[in-house]
């Protein structure tokens, strides 16, 4: 058996016969092959993560968190590079203020801009997010909050005040009609 000393600072004695050298070479070769295979698999994961649809969903609410029914929501997917529209879809909210639209895998890419625009009685407001790769199913929530309270959805006191205003106007109109009719008589 022949012995050889390594060139490192710590002297290691390594036995060097043909069968041992062959086994070590094979072990190193297998280790390199496994390492390369694992690195290729890990590198390929993000690339294969988004050939699936993306669902964009969320709530439309006013500033005091009340859901807004009947809001027409348009969702645009815009290219990150030049901000042009890549795909668009729309939805009208229900009583819970919820909307949900889906885009196929070819209609979006990681880094694209998601623009959600709500239109309620001619008043528009929007929210933005950046499309990112998430686990399947790929769902991204973009909530739209109007920066003010929507008056027609006010609390009971504002509804009561409108009622008093209407009743007061009606009484004033009736009184005016009686006064005009009395003068003519």
Foldseek 3Di string as FASTA:
>chain_A
DDWDWDPDPDTDIDDDDDVVVVVVVVVVVVVVVVVVVVVVVVVCVVVPQQQFKEKEKEFEEEQVRQGDFFKKKKKFWAAQVPRDTQDIDIDGHHNRRMDMDMDGSVRYDFQTKIKIWIADPNDIDIWIDTDHGDHPVHYDYTYHYHHHHDQVPDDPVSVVVVVVVVVVVVVVVVVVVVVVVVVVD
